[in-house]
Protein backbone atom coordinates (compact mmCIF):
# COMPACT_ATOMS: atom_id res chain seq x y z
CA GLN A 1 88.63 -15.23 170.86
CA GLN A 2 86.83 -15.79 167.56
CA ARG A 3 86.31 -19.43 166.72
CA GLU A 4 86.49 -20.66 163.13
CA LYS A 5 83.13 -22.36 163.20
CA ILE A 6 80.15 -20.03 162.88
CA ARG A 7 76.97 -21.53 164.22
CA ASN A 8 73.23 -21.48 163.47
CA SER A 9 69.96 -21.92 165.39
CA LEU A 10 66.98 -24.08 166.26
CA GLN A 11 63.54 -25.27 164.79
CA ILE A 12 59.60 -25.89 163.95
CA ARG A 13 57.33 -26.39 160.80
CA ASP A 14 54.58 -25.69 158.30
CA THR A 15 51.10 -27.23 158.13
CA ASN A 16 51.72 -29.68 155.29
CA THR A 17 55.39 -30.42 155.90
CA PRO A 18 57.37 -32.14 158.68
CA PHE A 19 57.47 -29.95 161.77
CA LEU A 20 60.60 -29.50 163.83
CA HIS A 21 60.76 -27.29 166.88
CA ILE A 22 63.83 -26.87 169.03
CA PRO A 23 63.27 -24.14 171.63
CA VAL A 24 66.48 -24.32 173.60
CA SER A 25 65.50 -23.48 177.17
CA LEU A 26 68.39 -21.22 178.08
CA SER A 27 68.39 -19.35 181.38
CA VAL A 28 70.22 -16.59 179.59
CA CYS A 29 70.13 -12.83 180.04
CA LEU A 30 69.98 -10.56 177.00
CA HIS A 31 73.48 -9.31 177.84
CA LEU A 32 74.68 -12.73 176.77
CA LEU A 33 73.17 -12.37 173.30
CA THR A 34 74.29 -8.77 172.87
CA SER A 35 77.84 -9.55 174.00
CA PHE A 36 78.16 -13.13 172.76
CA LYS A 37 79.11 -12.32 169.17
CA ILE A 38 79.41 -15.97 168.11
CA SER A 39 75.75 -16.60 168.95
CA LEU A 40 74.61 -13.51 167.08
CA VAL A 41 76.51 -14.55 163.97
CA MET A 42 75.22 -18.06 164.43
CA LEU A 43 71.63 -16.84 164.52
CA GLY A 44 71.74 -14.17 161.88
CA SER A 45 74.36 -14.41 159.16
CA ARG A 46 74.51 -17.84 157.60
CA GLY A 47 72.12 -18.98 154.91
CA ALA A 48 70.27 -21.24 157.33
CA MET A 49 68.94 -18.18 159.15
CA LYS A 50 68.21 -15.86 156.20
CA GLN A 51 64.46 -16.04 156.83
CA ARG A 52 64.82 -14.86 160.41
CA ALA A 53 62.74 -12.62 162.67
CA SER A 54 63.66 -11.32 166.12
CA PHE A 55 61.03 -10.45 168.72
CA GLU A 56 60.42 -8.41 171.85
CA LYS A 57 59.75 -11.50 173.95
CA PHE A 58 58.85 -11.68 177.63
CA THR A 59 58.24 -14.44 180.10
CA VAL A 60 55.06 -14.10 182.15
CA THR A 61 56.94 -15.46 185.17
CA PRO A 62 60.74 -15.27 185.60
CA LEU A 63 61.49 -18.76 186.90
CA CYS A 64 62.17 -22.15 185.32
CA CYS A 65 59.30 -24.45 186.27
CA PRO A 66 56.33 -22.07 186.04
CA SER A 67 57.72 -20.58 182.83
CA ARG A 68 58.24 -23.98 181.22
CA SER A 69 54.72 -24.95 182.29
CA SER A 70 53.47 -21.80 180.55
CA ILE A 71 55.43 -22.69 177.40
CA LEU A 72 53.87 -26.15 177.35
CA THR A 73 50.27 -25.08 178.07
CA GLY A 74 50.06 -21.55 176.68
CA GLN A 75 48.58 -20.46 180.02
CA TYR A 76 49.42 -17.97 182.75
CA PRO A 77 50.57 -19.51 186.06
CA HIS A 78 47.28 -18.63 187.77
CA ASN A 79 45.57 -20.98 185.29
CA HIS A 80 48.01 -23.91 185.02
CA GLY A 81 48.67 -23.72 188.79
CA VAL A 82 52.48 -24.01 188.78
CA ARG A 83 53.74 -21.17 190.97
CA ASN A 84 57.43 -21.87 191.55
CA ASN A 85 60.11 -24.61 191.46
CA SER A 86 58.82 -26.58 194.46
CA VAL A 87 56.43 -29.54 194.55
CA SER A 88 54.24 -27.51 196.90
CA GLY A 89 54.25 -24.88 194.15
CA ASN A 90 52.91 -27.61 191.79
CA CYS A 91 56.14 -28.12 189.84
CA SER A 92 55.59 -31.50 188.14
CA SER A 93 53.18 -32.42 190.93
CA ILE A 94 50.46 -35.06 190.70
CA GLN A 95 47.98 -32.22 190.18
CA TRP A 96 50.02 -30.88 187.25
CA GLN A 97 50.34 -34.34 185.70
CA LYS A 98 46.63 -35.13 185.97
CA ASP A 99 45.28 -31.84 184.64
CA PRO A 100 47.31 -29.12 182.82
CA GLU A 101 49.90 -31.52 181.39
CA THR A 102 47.17 -33.51 179.64
CA GLU A 103 46.30 -30.41 177.58
CA ALA A 104 49.85 -29.33 176.71
CA PHE A 105 50.56 -28.66 173.03
CA PRO A 106 52.39 -31.98 172.32
CA VAL A 107 49.06 -33.75 172.91
CA TYR A 108 47.54 -31.86 169.99
CA LEU A 109 50.56 -32.49 167.76
CA SER A 110 50.31 -36.20 168.50
CA LYS A 111 46.67 -36.20 167.37
CA LEU A 112 47.87 -34.82 164.04
CA LYS A 113 50.31 -37.75 163.69
CA TYR A 114 53.42 -35.75 164.48
CA GLN A 115 56.47 -37.74 165.51
CA THR A 116 57.49 -36.02 168.74
CA PHE A 117 60.86 -36.03 170.49
CA TYR A 118 61.92 -34.47 173.77
CA ALA A 119 65.42 -34.39 175.28
CA GLY A 120 66.92 -32.54 178.25
CA LYS A 121 65.61 -30.73 181.27
CA TYR A 122 61.82 -30.83 181.55
CA LEU A 123 60.52 -29.49 184.87
CA ASN A 124 62.62 -29.03 188.00
CA GLN A 125 60.78 -31.66 190.05
CA TYR A 126 60.21 -34.13 187.20
CA GLY A 127 60.96 -37.77 188.01
CA LYS A 128 60.85 -37.29 191.78
CA LYS A 129 58.87 -39.60 194.06
CA ASP A 130 56.43 -36.79 194.87
CA GLY A 131 55.09 -37.34 191.35
CA GLU A 132 54.97 -40.60 189.46
CA GLY A 133 58.74 -40.98 189.26
CA VAL A 134 60.74 -41.76 186.12
CA SER A 135 58.00 -44.03 184.78
CA HIS A 136 55.85 -40.99 184.03
CA VAL A 137 56.02 -39.98 180.35
CA PRO A 138 53.88 -36.92 179.67
CA PRO A 139 51.19 -37.49 177.03
CA GLY A 140 52.01 -36.52 173.47
CA TRP A 141 55.68 -37.53 173.45
CA ASP A 142 56.72 -40.52 171.33
CA HIS A 143 60.43 -40.34 172.21
CA TRP A 144 61.26 -39.23 175.74
CA HIS A 145 64.77 -38.52 177.12
CA ALA A 146 64.06 -36.27 180.09
CA LEU A 147 66.40 -35.24 182.89
CA VAL A 148 65.30 -36.19 186.38
CA GLY A 149 65.35 -33.02 188.49
CA ASN A 150 67.24 -29.82 187.79
CA SER A 151 70.13 -29.10 185.43
CA GLN A 152 73.25 -31.26 185.54
CA TYR A 153 76.00 -31.95 183.02
CA TYR A 154 77.36 -35.19 184.53
CA ASN A 155 76.18 -37.75 187.10
CA TYR A 156 72.49 -37.45 186.33
CA THR A 157 69.54 -39.75 185.68
CA LEU A 158 67.31 -39.73 182.60
CA SER A 159 63.87 -41.12 182.05
CA VAL A 160 64.14 -42.80 178.65
CA ASP A 161 60.63 -43.64 177.56
CA GLY A 162 59.76 -44.23 181.22
CA LYS A 163 62.82 -46.30 182.17
CA GLU A 164 65.63 -45.11 184.42
CA GLU A 165 69.00 -44.50 182.75
CA VAL A 166 71.89 -43.53 185.04
CA HIS A 167 74.87 -41.56 183.73
CA GLY A 168 78.36 -40.95 185.10
CA ASP A 169 81.18 -38.50 184.50
CA SER A 170 82.61 -39.56 181.13
CA TYR A 171 82.69 -36.67 178.69
CA GLU A 172 82.35 -38.93 175.65
CA LYS A 173 79.39 -40.87 177.04
CA ASP A 174 77.63 -38.60 179.50
CA TYR A 175 78.04 -34.87 178.83
CA LEU A 176 74.38 -33.94 178.65
CA THR A 177 74.40 -31.23 175.98
CA ASP A 178 76.27 -33.55 173.59
CA LEU A 179 74.05 -36.50 174.47
CA ILE A 180 70.95 -34.43 173.62
CA ALA A 181 72.49 -33.45 170.29
CA ASN A 182 73.48 -37.00 169.35
CA ARG A 183 70.10 -38.50 170.22
CA SER A 184 68.26 -35.80 168.28
CA LEU A 185 70.39 -36.57 165.20
CA ASN A 186 69.58 -40.24 165.59
CA PHE A 187 65.87 -39.42 165.76
CA LEU A 188 66.05 -37.36 162.56
CA GLU A 189 67.91 -40.14 160.79
CA ASN A 190 65.37 -42.80 161.75
CA ARG A 191 62.11 -40.84 161.56
CA SER A 192 59.34 -41.87 159.21
CA PRO A 193 59.29 -39.60 156.12
CA GLN A 194 55.53 -40.17 155.85
CA HIS A 195 54.72 -38.10 158.95
CA PRO A 196 55.67 -34.66 160.24
CA PHE A 197 57.99 -34.34 163.19
CA PHE A 198 58.64 -32.09 166.17
CA LEU A 199 61.71 -31.87 168.40
CA MET A 200 62.09 -29.94 171.62
CA LEU A 201 65.60 -29.81 173.00
CA SER A 202 66.43 -28.35 176.40
CA PRO A 203 70.15 -28.53 177.21
CA PRO A 204 71.35 -27.64 180.72
CA ALA A 205 73.51 -24.75 179.47
CA PRO A 206 73.94 -22.13 180.70
CA HIS A 207 72.32 -23.15 183.99
CA SER A 208 74.41 -23.85 187.08
CA PRO A 209 76.58 -25.78 187.91
CA TRP A 210 78.11 -24.29 184.72
CA THR A 211 80.23 -27.28 183.78
CA ALA A 212 81.82 -26.60 180.40
CA ALA A 213 83.05 -29.32 178.06
CA PRO A 214 86.78 -29.98 178.55
CA GLN A 215 87.79 -28.26 175.29
CA TYR A 216 86.05 -25.02 176.28
CA GLN A 217 87.08 -24.59 179.91
CA LYS A 218 89.75 -21.99 179.12
CA GLU A 219 87.64 -19.85 176.78
CA PHE A 220 86.60 -16.27 177.63
CA SER A 221 89.24 -15.96 180.35
CA ASN A 222 89.12 -12.16 180.22
CA VAL A 223 85.34 -11.75 180.03
CA LYS A 224 83.45 -9.95 182.80
CA ALA A 225 79.78 -9.24 183.29
CA PRO A 226 78.80 -5.93 181.60
CA ARG A 227 78.97 -2.90 183.89
CA ASP A 228 76.17 -0.92 182.23
CA GLY A 229 72.52 -0.06 182.90
CA SER A 230 71.50 -0.90 186.46
CA PHE A 231 74.68 -2.82 187.29
CA ASP A 232 75.60 -2.24 190.96
CA LYS A 233 73.03 0.56 191.30
CA PRO A 234 71.26 0.93 194.67
CA GLY A 235 67.73 -0.46 194.76
CA LYS A 236 66.21 2.63 196.34
CA ASP A 237 62.41 3.04 196.23
CA LYS A 238 62.10 -0.67 195.44
CA HIS A 239 60.73 -3.69 197.29
CA TRP A 240 62.72 -4.46 200.44
CA LEU A 241 64.46 -7.45 198.80
CA LEU A 242 66.13 -5.00 196.40
CA ARG A 243 67.07 -2.64 199.21
CA GLN A 244 69.00 -5.21 201.26
CA PRO A 245 72.14 -5.83 199.15
CA VAL A 246 75.31 -3.99 200.10
CA ASN A 247 76.02 -1.18 197.64
CA PRO A 248 78.49 -0.92 196.11
CA MET A 249 79.04 -4.66 195.91
CA PRO A 250 82.10 -6.04 197.69
CA SER A 251 84.86 -7.58 195.62
CA SER A 252 83.82 -11.08 196.72
CA SER A 253 80.41 -10.66 195.04
CA LEU A 254 81.96 -9.15 191.92
CA ASP A 255 84.43 -12.00 191.58
CA TYR A 256 81.64 -14.54 192.11
CA LEU A 257 79.33 -13.10 189.45
CA ASP A 258 82.13 -12.57 186.91
CA ASN A 259 83.20 -16.17 187.32
CA ALA A 260 79.61 -17.34 186.84
CA TYR A 261 79.24 -15.16 183.76
CA ARG A 262 82.37 -16.64 182.13
CA LYS A 263 81.38 -20.20 182.90
CA ARG A 264 77.91 -19.68 181.45
CA TRP A 265 79.48 -18.56 178.19
CA GLN A 266 81.75 -21.59 178.17
CA THR A 267 78.82 -24.00 178.54
CA LEU A 268 77.05 -22.37 175.60
CA LEU A 269 79.83 -23.27 173.19
CA SER A 270 78.55 -26.85 173.31
CA VAL A 271 75.09 -25.53 172.46
CA ASP A 272 76.68 -23.88 169.40
CA ASP A 273 78.06 -27.27 168.43
CA MET A 274 74.64 -28.86 168.86
CA VAL A 275 72.98 -26.22 166.70
CA GLU A 276 75.52 -26.61 163.92
CA MET A 277 75.08 -30.38 163.86
CA LEU A 278 71.30 -30.11 163.75
CA VAL A 279 71.25 -27.53 160.98
CA LYS A 280 73.67 -29.59 158.90
CA LYS A 281 71.53 -32.66 159.48
CA LEU A 282 68.41 -30.85 158.32
CA GLU A 283 70.29 -29.68 155.25
CA SER A 284 71.49 -33.20 154.50
CA ILE A 285 67.97 -34.66 154.69
CA LYS A 286 66.63 -31.71 152.62
CA GLU A 287 64.23 -30.51 155.31
CA LEU A 288 65.78 -27.22 156.41
CA ASP A 289 63.76 -25.04 154.03
CA ASN A 290 60.53 -26.61 155.30
CA THR A 291 61.41 -26.04 158.92
CA TYR A 292 60.56 -23.29 161.39
CA ILE A 293 63.34 -22.66 163.91
CA PHE A 294 62.63 -21.18 167.35
CA TYR A 295 65.55 -20.19 169.58
CA THR A 296 64.46 -18.92 172.97
CA SER A 297 64.68 -19.14 176.75
CA ASP A 298 62.47 -19.86 179.73
CA ASN A 299 63.58 -16.83 181.78
CA GLY A 300 66.08 -13.99 181.91
CA TYR A 301 68.98 -13.65 184.32
CA HIS A 302 70.83 -10.96 186.21
CA THR A 303 74.49 -10.62 187.07
CA GLY A 304 75.00 -7.61 189.33
CA GLN A 305 71.95 -5.53 188.45
CA PHE A 306 70.82 -3.52 191.50
CA SER A 307 73.71 -5.21 193.36
CA LEU A 308 72.05 -8.64 193.16
CA PRO A 309 74.87 -11.13 192.39
CA ILE A 310 73.18 -13.78 190.19
CA ASP A 311 69.71 -15.26 189.75
CA LYS A 312 66.29 -14.51 188.24
CA ARG A 313 62.82 -14.21 189.93
CA GLN A 314 62.60 -10.41 189.82
CA LEU A 315 60.08 -8.24 187.96
CA TYR A 316 62.67 -6.18 186.07
CA GLU A 317 63.64 -6.25 182.41
CA PHE A 318 66.78 -8.32 182.96
CA ASP A 319 64.71 -11.20 184.37
CA ILE A 320 61.52 -11.05 182.27
CA ARG A 321 62.98 -10.30 178.82
CA VAL A 322 64.22 -13.34 176.92
CA PRO A 323 65.71 -13.83 173.46
CA LEU A 324 63.53 -15.15 170.66
CA MET A 325 64.66 -15.67 167.10
CA VAL A 326 62.58 -17.56 164.55
CA ARG A 327 63.50 -18.84 161.11
CA GLY A 328 61.12 -20.42 158.63
CA PRO A 329 58.94 -20.29 155.52
CA GLY A 330 57.17 -17.00 154.85
CA ILE A 331 59.30 -14.97 157.25
CA LYS A 332 60.71 -11.72 155.88
CA PRO A 333 64.52 -11.82 156.24
CA LYS A 334 66.27 -10.08 159.12
CA GLN A 335 63.29 -8.29 160.62
CA THR A 336 62.90 -7.21 164.24
CA LEU A 337 59.29 -7.02 165.43
CA GLN A 338 58.46 -4.64 168.27
CA ALA A 339 55.03 -5.94 169.32
CA PRO A 340 55.44 -7.97 172.52
CA VAL A 341 55.47 -11.76 172.31
CA LEU A 342 55.11 -13.88 175.47
CA ASN A 343 56.21 -17.37 176.40
CA ILE A 344 52.49 -18.29 176.59
CA ASP A 345 52.35 -17.51 172.85
CA LEU A 346 54.72 -20.32 171.87
CA ALA A 347 52.17 -23.14 172.32
CA PRO A 348 49.41 -21.51 170.24
CA THR A 349 51.93 -20.50 167.56
CA ILE A 350 53.27 -24.06 167.31
CA MET A 351 49.73 -25.42 167.12
CA ASP A 352 48.75 -22.77 164.57
CA ILE A 353 51.64 -23.75 162.30
CA SER A 354 50.79 -27.43 162.66
CA GLY A 355 47.14 -26.90 161.69
CA VAL A 356 45.34 -27.10 165.05
CA ASP A 357 42.09 -25.10 165.22
CA LEU A 358 42.96 -22.67 168.02
CA SER A 359 39.30 -22.00 168.80
CA THR A 360 39.17 -25.53 170.23
CA VAL A 361 42.14 -25.04 172.57
CA ASN A 362 42.14 -23.49 176.06
CA VAL A 363 45.09 -21.09 175.96
CA ASP A 364 45.70 -17.61 177.34
CA GLY A 365 48.34 -16.76 174.75
CA GLN A 366 47.92 -16.04 171.06
CA SER A 367 49.66 -17.15 167.89
CA PHE A 368 52.27 -14.74 166.54
CA LEU A 369 52.46 -16.45 163.15
CA SER A 370 50.68 -13.43 161.68
CA GLN A 371 53.43 -11.13 162.94
CA MET A 372 56.37 -13.07 161.55
CA ALA A 373 54.67 -14.32 158.37
CA PRO A 374 51.76 -11.96 157.51
CA SER A 375 51.37 -13.63 154.13
CA LEU A 376 50.22 -16.77 155.95
CA ARG A 377 47.92 -15.34 158.66
CA ASN A 378 46.01 -12.27 159.77
CA GLY A 379 46.09 -11.32 163.43
CA THR A 380 46.29 -8.65 166.10
CA VAL A 381 48.87 -7.67 168.70
CA ARG A 382 48.32 -7.15 172.41
CA PRO A 383 48.91 -3.76 174.10
CA PHE A 384 49.40 -5.15 177.62
CA PHE A 385 50.10 -8.35 179.52
CA LEU A 386 50.55 -9.87 182.97
CA VAL A 387 53.72 -10.87 184.82
CA GLU A 388 53.20 -12.86 188.04
CA TYR A 389 55.41 -14.67 190.51
CA THR A 390 55.00 -16.47 193.85
CA GLY A 391 58.08 -16.17 196.07
CA GLU A 392 59.84 -19.08 197.75
CA GLY A 393 61.47 -19.11 201.16
CA HIS A 394 62.72 -21.43 203.89
CA PRO A 395 60.72 -21.70 207.11
CA THR A 396 63.92 -21.57 209.16
CA THR A 397 66.88 -19.18 209.22
CA ASP A 398 69.75 -19.85 206.81
CA PRO A 399 72.66 -20.97 209.07
CA ALA A 400 75.08 -19.00 206.89
CA CYS A 401 73.08 -15.80 207.37
CA PRO A 402 71.62 -15.96 210.91
CA LYS A 403 70.85 -12.22 211.11
CA LEU A 404 68.39 -12.37 208.22
CA GLY A 405 65.74 -14.55 209.86
CA PRO A 406 63.40 -17.11 208.24
CA GLY A 407 61.36 -16.79 205.06
CA LEU A 408 64.28 -16.23 202.65
CA SER A 409 65.98 -18.34 199.99
CA GLN A 410 68.61 -18.20 197.24
CA CYS A 411 71.16 -16.52 199.52
CA PHE A 412 74.46 -15.87 197.76
CA PRO A 413 77.84 -14.52 198.90
CA ASP A 414 77.73 -11.77 201.52
CA CYS A 415 74.22 -12.94 202.53
CA VAL A 416 72.40 -11.29 199.65
CA CYS A 417 69.15 -13.24 199.35
CA GLU A 418 67.38 -13.24 196.00
CA ASP A 419 63.98 -14.61 197.02
CA ALA A 420 61.51 -14.65 199.89
CA PHE A 421 57.95 -15.73 200.64
CA ASN A 422 56.83 -12.12 200.27
CA ASN A 423 58.65 -11.65 196.97
CA THR A 424 55.21 -12.39 195.55
CA TYR A 425 53.99 -9.89 192.99
CA ALA A 426 51.85 -9.26 189.93
CA CYS A 427 52.54 -6.66 187.25
CA VAL A 428 50.70 -5.30 184.26
CA ARG A 429 53.00 -4.24 181.45
CA THR A 430 51.69 -1.81 178.85
CA LEU A 431 53.64 -1.75 175.59
CA ASP A 432 51.54 -0.28 172.77
CA GLY A 433 53.94 1.68 170.59
CA LYS A 434 53.49 4.95 172.50
CA THR A 435 53.54 3.83 176.13
CA ASP A 436 56.03 1.52 177.82
CA LEU A 437 54.84 1.27 181.41
CA GLN A 438 55.08 -1.32 184.17
CA TYR A 439 52.86 -1.32 187.25
CA CYS A 440 53.52 -3.93 189.98
CA GLU A 441 51.87 -4.80 193.29
CA PHE A 442 53.46 -6.97 195.99
CA ALA A 443 51.56 -9.30 198.31
CA ASP A 444 53.38 -8.23 201.47
CA THR A 445 52.71 -6.29 204.66
CA GLU A 446 53.66 -3.03 202.93
CA SER A 447 51.34 -3.57 199.94
CA PHE A 448 54.35 -2.25 198.07
CA VAL A 449 53.86 -0.80 194.57
CA GLU A 450 56.45 -0.13 191.88
CA VAL A 451 55.81 1.86 188.69
CA TYR A 452 58.27 2.40 185.84
CA ASN A 453 58.11 4.50 182.71
CA LEU A 454 60.51 2.55 180.51
CA THR A 455 60.30 5.05 177.68
CA SER A 456 62.37 7.53 179.69
CA ASP A 457 63.90 5.04 182.16
CA PRO A 458 64.68 1.78 180.32
CA HIS A 459 66.80 0.44 183.20
CA GLN A 460 64.03 0.98 185.79
CA LEU A 461 66.23 3.07 188.05
CA GLU A 462 63.39 5.24 189.37
CA ASN A 463 60.10 4.09 190.86
CA VAL A 464 57.73 6.85 189.65
CA LEU A 465 54.80 5.80 191.81
CA LYS A 466 54.61 9.18 193.56
CA LYS A 467 54.93 11.09 190.28
CA THR A 468 52.26 9.20 188.36
CA ASP A 469 48.74 10.54 187.91
CA PRO A 470 46.37 8.80 190.38
CA ALA A 471 43.95 8.14 187.53
CA ILE A 472 46.58 6.03 185.80
CA LEU A 473 47.39 4.16 189.02
CA GLN A 474 43.73 3.34 189.55
CA ALA A 475 43.30 2.26 185.95
CA MET A 476 46.38 0.03 186.09
CA ASN A 477 45.21 -1.47 189.36
CA GLN A 478 41.88 -2.39 187.76
CA ARG A 479 43.58 -3.81 184.69
CA LEU A 480 45.87 -5.88 186.92
CA ILE A 481 42.92 -7.25 188.89
CA LYS A 482 41.24 -8.35 185.64
CA LEU A 483 44.37 -9.96 184.27
CA GLN A 484 45.02 -11.87 187.49
CA SER A 485 41.69 -13.65 187.05
CA CYS A 486 41.62 -13.85 183.24
CA GLU A 487 41.25 -17.11 181.37
CA GLY A 488 41.38 -17.82 177.64
CA ASP A 489 39.85 -15.06 175.51
CA SER A 490 39.68 -12.58 178.38
CA CYS A 491 43.49 -12.68 178.66
CA ARG A 492 43.72 -11.49 175.06
CA ASP A 493 41.09 -8.73 175.30
CA SER A 494 42.71 -5.65 173.75
CA LYS A 495 39.83 -3.29 174.55
CA CYS A 496 41.17 -0.98 177.18
CA ALA A 497 39.67 2.51 177.23
CA PHE A 498 42.06 3.95 179.80
CA LEU A 499 45.05 3.33 177.54
CA HIS A 500 44.12 6.19 175.23
CA ASN A 501 45.12 8.87 177.72
CA PHE A 502 48.34 7.29 178.96
CA TYR A 503 50.57 9.17 176.56
CA GLN A 504 49.31 12.53 177.83
CA LEU A 505 49.28 11.66 181.54
CA LEU A 506 52.51 9.71 182.06
CA PRO A 507 55.57 11.28 183.65
CA ARG A 508 58.08 11.11 180.83
CA ARG A 509 61.50 12.44 180.00
CA ARG A 510 61.95 15.76 181.80
CA ASN A 511 64.35 18.65 181.41
CA LYS A 512 66.43 19.60 184.39
CA GLY A 513 66.00 23.15 185.64
CA ARG A 514 68.84 25.43 186.61
CA ASN A 515 68.91 23.98 190.12
CA GLY A 516 68.91 20.39 188.89
CA GLU A 517 65.18 20.02 189.62
CA LEU A 518 62.89 18.28 187.21
CA GLY A 519 61.25 20.69 184.81
CA SER A 520 58.28 20.34 182.50
CA VAL A 521 57.32 17.18 180.67
CA GLN A 522 58.57 17.00 177.08
CA SER A 523 56.42 15.47 174.36
């Protein structure tokens, strides 16, 4: 059902002008953007988004806390040390607060006299007693309205500049997405015009528990999760976690994931409202044309792919690809850039725009300002990158799924578990214009390896490990080893001699012979 109001999107800024950045941390799969027509119109059609670029963006780890830590620091998880959503995985731990957090990009913006504002979810374990509690305000933030713990819409606690603020279940007073919007508008109204500014807003939508605002709870009643690509396909030749779901999915799982999909859409309508209010506010204070707008996510999401009901954490496209749209000065209108951009590139790009000398900063990512606004910067693109994840599990058996044993977590209907201790992997992704290849190794008793040629198999249906030239496998293994220990400049090293022969050696799209067997490789 088309709504009358068409929305817009979210912001940052130029070196000599106030700087506003609103990366909305949406746990949203790309299906949502391709199917959610209101958001696409919001991001692309109105005048506020005329200077807009879209990117091939990936997260280097498909989970909230480590991904957000990478956004803040510009570093891979093996360098900032946050491995998953647990305190033991360093999520907002004392170790995180005393070391990586002190070098996050807001610290550098603060040194340049930026007025900084944060509102919404920060890190999953933020504000807990295992850290410094709600009194802890990360360095670099002047105005702090951070959610304690994971996403909620009602009945939550905020840390407001280090003081506890408890909220109830009143829509008018407490609905978190609206509260974030209203406080950001208040900040813009009362900011000092003499100094630049930066906002980072992280609403709970569309994260569970998927509580929509009252006026939107009946929207999208006929919507179902898309049934394309790898939806409800068997996870054959994949890691054991992908081989354990029942295929085809039972109706109980289908109903569950469709319901989740609808509710996620409903929660995002309040994000649309927030975006519209912010854009109008920027227009009213005559700052919109000086403002860069970043609209992105911390991780992808799946709903039924390979018969996994709902979650993230997996190495596949649906969990590591995230939307990124940017609007701002110097950006050619309505362009889509194919060179890969990573979540670790957001921090150096923000600092680059604000005037920070990147040679003085310890980041693994690189600025993509040169890609979206070549008139402002020169730069290079990367041909490959790392994706890494450390699995989580429970030491005891889930009482609801006693046959599965210990070591698992995120178990959904019909005892399909989405994570495990040995769902620990590292991948090297090669994406250089000719080759689109993913090579992944698991840290498990099988030493399991998955290889995908996404040029011919974009949905990663076939693990081509046994069909791939051993020379390529060895080369990718060596590249992966180097990336897993890279730091700073070495993570951006684009010199890679073995890449030159990939195009000739890879198994690509093949013709089927008369008996249905694979025939010769086609160039």
